[in-house]
Amino acid sequence: MSVFHIVCVYRVDVSKPQRHSHLVALGTVDSGEPTANPTATWTAAEVERAISSGHQFTAAGSDNEVRAIQRPCPLCGVACLKPEPHNSLENIEQCMFH
């Protein structure tokens, strides 16, 4: 199976019921690629399927596996990615659309 390195995340700001953000997708590079620009974008459903099939995701600069599962947001109920361990993607920058 493959290992994908997470180099950026896609977060969407939500204002109701209070201001917060949802993690909705991941930008990755294949194992060993030297670029910081994502070579693939994964939606929440795609991440779940890939992990279920045995693929792994790691945060850039770390060899620790990150599991990201789709769960309802505790504030508004909308499905979004929840990384495990909880803060594992906190320092990963926002993906930029070109």
N, C-alpha and C. Protein backbone atom coordinates (compact mmCIF):
# COMPACT_ATOMS: atom_id res chain seq x y z
N MET A 1 0.83 -1.18 0.00
CA MET A 1 0.00 0.00 0.00
C MET A 1 0.87 1.25 0.00
N SER A 2 0.29 2.37 -0.30
CA SER A 2 1.04 3.63 -0.45
C SER A 2 1.00 4.48 0.82
N VAL A 3 2.02 5.32 0.94
CA VAL A 3 2.07 6.32 2.01
C VAL A 3 2.03 7.68 1.33
N PHE A 4 1.10 8.53 1.75
CA PHE A 4 0.96 9.87 1.20
C PHE A 4 1.29 10.88 2.28
N HIS A 5 2.10 11.88 1.93
CA HIS A 5 2.49 12.92 2.88
C HIS A 5 1.58 14.13 2.71
N ILE A 6 0.94 14.53 3.80
CA ILE A 6 0.02 15.67 3.78
C ILE A 6 0.85 16.95 3.82
N VAL A 7 0.73 17.76 2.78
CA VAL A 7 1.50 19.01 2.71
C VAL A 7 0.62 20.25 2.90
N CYS A 8 -0.68 20.08 2.78
CA CYS A 8 -1.59 21.20 3.01
C CYS A 8 -2.99 20.65 3.27
N VAL A 9 -3.84 21.48 3.83
CA VAL A 9 -5.22 21.10 4.13
C VAL A 9 -6.17 22.14 3.56
N TYR A 10 -7.37 21.71 3.29
CA TYR A 10 -8.42 22.61 2.85
C TYR A 10 -9.40 22.79 4.00
N ARG A 11 -9.43 24.00 4.54
CA ARG A 11 -10.37 24.32 5.62
C ARG A 11 -11.39 25.32 5.09
N VAL A 12 -12.61 25.15 5.52
CA VAL A 12 -13.70 26.05 5.14
C VAL A 12 -14.23 26.70 6.41
N ASP A 13 -14.29 28.03 6.41
CA ASP A 13 -14.85 28.74 7.56
C ASP A 13 -16.37 28.65 7.55
N VAL A 14 -16.92 28.44 8.74
CA VAL A 14 -18.37 28.34 8.93
C VAL A 14 -18.73 29.33 10.02
N SER A 15 -19.87 29.99 9.87
CA SER A 15 -20.22 31.03 10.85
C SER A 15 -21.39 30.65 11.76
N LYS A 16 -22.06 29.55 11.51
CA LYS A 16 -23.23 29.22 12.33
C LYS A 16 -23.08 27.81 12.90
N PRO A 17 -23.43 27.55 14.12
CA PRO A 17 -24.05 28.46 15.07
C PRO A 17 -23.05 29.46 15.66
N GLN A 18 -21.76 29.18 15.53
CA GLN A 18 -20.71 30.12 15.91
C GLN A 18 -19.56 29.95 14.93
N ARG A 19 -18.65 30.89 14.91
CA ARG A 19 -17.55 30.86 13.95
C ARG A 19 -16.60 29.70 14.26
N HIS A 20 -16.38 28.83 13.26
CA HIS A 20 -15.44 27.72 13.36
C HIS A 20 -15.07 27.29 11.95
N SER A 21 -14.20 26.30 11.82
CA SER A 21 -13.81 25.85 10.48
C SER A 21 -13.93 24.33 10.37
N HIS A 22 -14.10 23.89 9.13
CA HIS A 22 -14.18 22.46 8.82
C HIS A 22 -13.00 22.07 7.96
N LEU A 23 -12.40 20.96 8.26
CA LEU A 23 -11.36 20.36 7.43
C LEU A 23 -12.08 19.49 6.41
N VAL A 24 -12.00 19.87 5.13
CA VAL A 24 -12.80 19.18 4.11
C VAL A 24 -11.98 18.38 3.11
N ALA A 25 -10.67 18.61 3.03
CA ALA A 25 -9.84 17.87 2.08
C ALA A 25 -8.37 18.00 2.47
N LEU A 26 -7.56 17.10 1.90
CA LEU A 26 -6.13 17.10 2.14
C LEU A 26 -5.38 17.21 0.83
N GLY A 27 -4.26 17.93 0.84
CA GLY A 27 -3.35 17.97 -0.30
C GLY A 27 -2.13 17.12 0.04
N THR A 28 -1.76 16.20 -0.83
CA THR A 28 -0.66 15.28 -0.53
C THR A 28 0.36 15.21 -1.66
N VAL A 29 1.51 14.67 -1.31
CA VAL A 29 2.52 14.25 -2.30
C VAL A 29 2.79 12.78 -2.04
N ASP A 30 3.24 12.08 -3.08
CA ASP A 30 3.59 10.68 -2.92
C ASP A 30 4.83 10.56 -2.06
N SER A 31 5.01 9.42 -1.50
CA SER A 31 6.18 9.13 -0.68
C SER A 31 7.48 9.53 -1.37
N GLY A 32 8.30 10.30 -0.69
CA GLY A 32 9.61 10.64 -1.20
C GLY A 32 9.68 11.78 -2.19
N GLU A 33 8.56 12.37 -2.57
CA GLU A 33 8.61 13.49 -3.51
C GLU A 33 9.12 14.73 -2.80
N PRO A 34 10.02 15.48 -3.42
CA PRO A 34 10.64 16.62 -2.74
C PRO A 34 9.81 17.91 -2.77
N THR A 35 8.72 17.94 -3.45
CA THR A 35 7.95 19.17 -3.60
C THR A 35 7.01 19.43 -2.43
N ALA A 36 6.76 20.68 -2.14
CA ALA A 36 5.79 21.04 -1.11
C ALA A 36 4.42 21.31 -1.74
N ASN A 37 4.36 21.35 -3.05
CA ASN A 37 3.09 21.57 -3.73
C ASN A 37 2.35 20.24 -3.84
N PRO A 38 1.06 20.22 -3.53
CA PRO A 38 0.34 18.95 -3.58
C PRO A 38 0.26 18.40 -5.00
N THR A 39 0.45 17.09 -5.11
CA THR A 39 0.28 16.41 -6.39
C THR A 39 -1.08 15.74 -6.47
N ALA A 40 -1.79 15.69 -5.33
CA ALA A 40 -3.13 15.10 -5.29
C ALA A 40 -3.95 15.80 -4.22
N THR A 41 -5.24 15.87 -4.45
CA THR A 41 -6.19 16.40 -3.48
C THR A 41 -7.18 15.30 -3.15
N TRP A 42 -7.43 15.11 -1.88
CA TRP A 42 -8.30 14.04 -1.40
C TRP A 42 -9.50 14.64 -0.65
N THR A 43 -10.70 14.30 -1.06
CA THR A 43 -11.89 14.71 -0.32
C THR A 43 -12.00 13.83 0.93
N ALA A 44 -12.90 14.20 1.82
CA ALA A 44 -13.11 13.41 3.04
C ALA A 44 -13.46 11.96 2.71
N ALA A 45 -14.35 11.75 1.77
CA ALA A 45 -14.76 10.39 1.40
C ALA A 45 -13.59 9.61 0.80
N GLU A 46 -12.77 10.26 -0.02
CA GLU A 46 -11.62 9.60 -0.63
C GLU A 46 -10.58 9.20 0.42
N VAL A 47 -10.36 10.06 1.41
CA VAL A 47 -9.42 9.75 2.49
C VAL A 47 -9.90 8.52 3.25
N GLU A 48 -11.18 8.49 3.59
CA GLU A 48 -11.74 7.35 4.31
C GLU A 48 -11.57 6.05 3.53
N ARG A 49 -11.89 6.08 2.23
CA ARG A 49 -11.76 4.88 1.39
C ARG A 49 -10.30 4.43 1.30
N ALA A 50 -9.39 5.39 1.14
CA ALA A 50 -7.97 5.06 1.03
C ALA A 50 -7.46 4.40 2.32
N ILE A 51 -7.81 4.95 3.46
CA ILE A 51 -7.38 4.39 4.74
C ILE A 51 -7.98 2.99 4.93
N SER A 52 -9.25 2.83 4.57
CA SER A 52 -9.90 1.52 4.67
C SER A 52 -9.23 0.49 3.77
N SER A 53 -8.63 0.95 2.67
CA SER A 53 -7.94 0.05 1.73
C SER A 53 -6.49 -0.21 2.13
N GLY A 54 -6.04 0.40 3.24
CA GLY A 54 -4.70 0.13 3.72
C GLY A 54 -3.67 1.20 3.43
N HIS A 55 -4.05 2.27 2.73
CA HIS A 55 -3.11 3.36 2.47
C HIS A 55 -2.91 4.16 3.76
N GLN A 56 -1.78 4.85 3.85
CA GLN A 56 -1.48 5.65 5.03
C GLN A 56 -1.24 7.10 4.65
N PHE A 57 -1.53 7.98 5.57
CA PHE A 57 -1.28 9.42 5.43
C PHE A 57 -0.41 9.84 6.59
N THR A 58 0.63 10.64 6.31
CA THR A 58 1.47 11.19 7.37
C THR A 58 1.51 12.70 7.20
N ALA A 59 1.66 13.40 8.31
CA ALA A 59 1.82 14.86 8.25
C ALA A 59 3.22 15.14 7.72
N ALA A 60 3.36 16.14 6.87
CA ALA A 60 4.67 16.50 6.31
C ALA A 60 5.66 16.73 7.45
N GLY A 61 6.87 16.19 7.28
CA GLY A 61 7.90 16.34 8.30
C GLY A 61 7.79 15.35 9.44
N SER A 62 6.88 14.39 9.33
CA SER A 62 6.69 13.41 10.38
C SER A 62 6.49 12.03 9.74
N ASP A 63 6.92 11.01 10.45
CA ASP A 63 6.67 9.66 9.98
C ASP A 63 5.48 9.04 10.69
N ASN A 64 4.86 9.80 11.59
CA ASN A 64 3.72 9.29 12.34
C ASN A 64 2.47 9.29 11.47
N GLU A 65 1.76 8.19 11.50
CA GLU A 65 0.55 8.07 10.71
C GLU A 65 -0.54 8.99 11.25
N VAL A 66 -1.27 9.60 10.32
CA VAL A 66 -2.42 10.42 10.67
C VAL A 66 -3.66 9.73 10.11
N ARG A 67 -4.60 9.46 10.97
CA ARG A 67 -5.86 8.90 10.51
C ARG A 67 -6.86 10.05 10.48
N ALA A 68 -7.49 10.23 9.37
CA ALA A 68 -8.49 11.29 9.24
C ALA A 68 -9.80 10.62 8.84
N ILE A 69 -10.79 10.75 9.69
CA ILE A 69 -12.07 10.12 9.42
C ILE A 69 -13.15 11.17 9.31
N GLN A 70 -14.17 10.85 8.56
CA GLN A 70 -15.28 11.77 8.36
C GLN A 70 -16.25 11.60 9.53
N ARG A 71 -16.49 12.71 10.22
CA ARG A 71 -17.40 12.71 11.37
C ARG A 71 -18.24 13.98 11.35
N PRO A 72 -19.41 13.94 11.98
CA PRO A 72 -20.19 15.17 12.09
C PRO A 72 -19.50 16.18 13.01
N CYS A 73 -19.52 17.43 12.61
CA CYS A 73 -18.98 18.51 13.44
C CYS A 73 -19.83 18.60 14.71
N PRO A 74 -19.21 18.66 15.89
CA PRO A 74 -19.98 18.75 17.13
C PRO A 74 -20.73 20.07 17.28
N LEU A 75 -20.35 21.10 16.53
CA LEU A 75 -21.02 22.40 16.63
C LEU A 75 -22.22 22.53 15.70
N CYS A 76 -22.11 21.96 14.48
CA CYS A 76 -23.19 22.19 13.51
C CYS A 76 -23.71 20.91 12.84
N GLY A 77 -23.03 19.78 13.04
CA GLY A 77 -23.51 18.52 12.49
C GLY A 77 -23.08 18.20 11.06
N VAL A 78 -22.40 19.12 10.39
CA VAL A 78 -21.95 18.89 9.01
C VAL A 78 -20.76 17.92 9.03
N ALA A 79 -20.74 16.96 8.10
CA ALA A 79 -19.65 15.99 8.03
C ALA A 79 -18.36 16.67 7.56
N CYS A 80 -17.27 16.41 8.27
CA CYS A 80 -15.96 16.94 7.90
C CYS A 80 -14.90 15.99 8.42
N LEU A 81 -13.65 16.20 8.01
CA LEU A 81 -12.55 15.35 8.45
C LEU A 81 -12.13 15.68 9.88
N LYS A 82 -11.93 14.66 10.66
CA LYS A 82 -11.40 14.81 12.01
C LYS A 82 -10.12 13.99 12.10
N PRO A 83 -8.97 14.67 12.23
CA PRO A 83 -7.71 13.93 12.28
C PRO A 83 -7.48 13.27 13.64
N GLU A 84 -6.82 12.13 13.61
CA GLU A 84 -6.39 11.45 14.82
C GLU A 84 -4.91 11.15 14.67
N PRO A 85 -4.02 11.52 15.57
CA PRO A 85 -4.29 12.26 16.79
C PRO A 85 -4.88 13.65 16.51
N HIS A 86 -5.61 14.14 17.48
CA HIS A 86 -6.45 15.33 17.33
C HIS A 86 -5.75 16.54 16.72
N ASN A 87 -4.59 16.93 17.21
CA ASN A 87 -3.91 18.15 16.74
C ASN A 87 -2.86 17.88 15.66
N SER A 88 -2.87 16.71 15.06
CA SER A 88 -1.80 16.31 14.15
C SER A 88 -1.68 17.15 12.88
N LEU A 89 -2.75 17.83 12.48
CA LEU A 89 -2.70 18.65 11.26
C LEU A 89 -2.78 20.14 11.55
N GLU A 90 -2.69 20.50 12.81
CA GLU A 90 -2.84 21.90 13.22
C GLU A 90 -1.82 22.83 12.58
N ASN A 91 -0.59 22.37 12.39
CA ASN A 91 0.47 23.23 11.85
C ASN A 91 0.66 23.09 10.35
N ILE A 92 -0.22 22.35 9.69
CA ILE A 92 -0.14 22.20 8.23
C ILE A 92 -0.86 23.39 7.59
N GLU A 93 -0.23 24.01 6.62
CA GLU A 93 -0.79 25.22 6.03
C GLU A 93 -1.99 24.94 5.12
N GLN A 94 -2.74 25.98 4.88
CA GLN A 94 -3.91 25.93 4.00
C GLN A 94 -3.44 25.76 2.54
N CYS A 95 -4.07 24.85 1.81
CA CYS A 95 -3.76 24.71 0.38
C CYS A 95 -4.23 25.95 -0.36
N MET A 96 -3.45 26.35 -1.33
CA MET A 96 -3.78 27.52 -2.15
C MET A 96 -4.23 27.06 -3.53
N PHE A 97 -5.32 27.62 -3.98
CA PHE A 97 -5.78 27.32 -5.33
C PHE A 97 -5.05 28.24 -6.30
N HIS A 98 -4.61 27.71 -7.41
CA HIS A 98 -3.90 28.52 -8.42
C HIS A 98 -4.78 28.76 -9.60
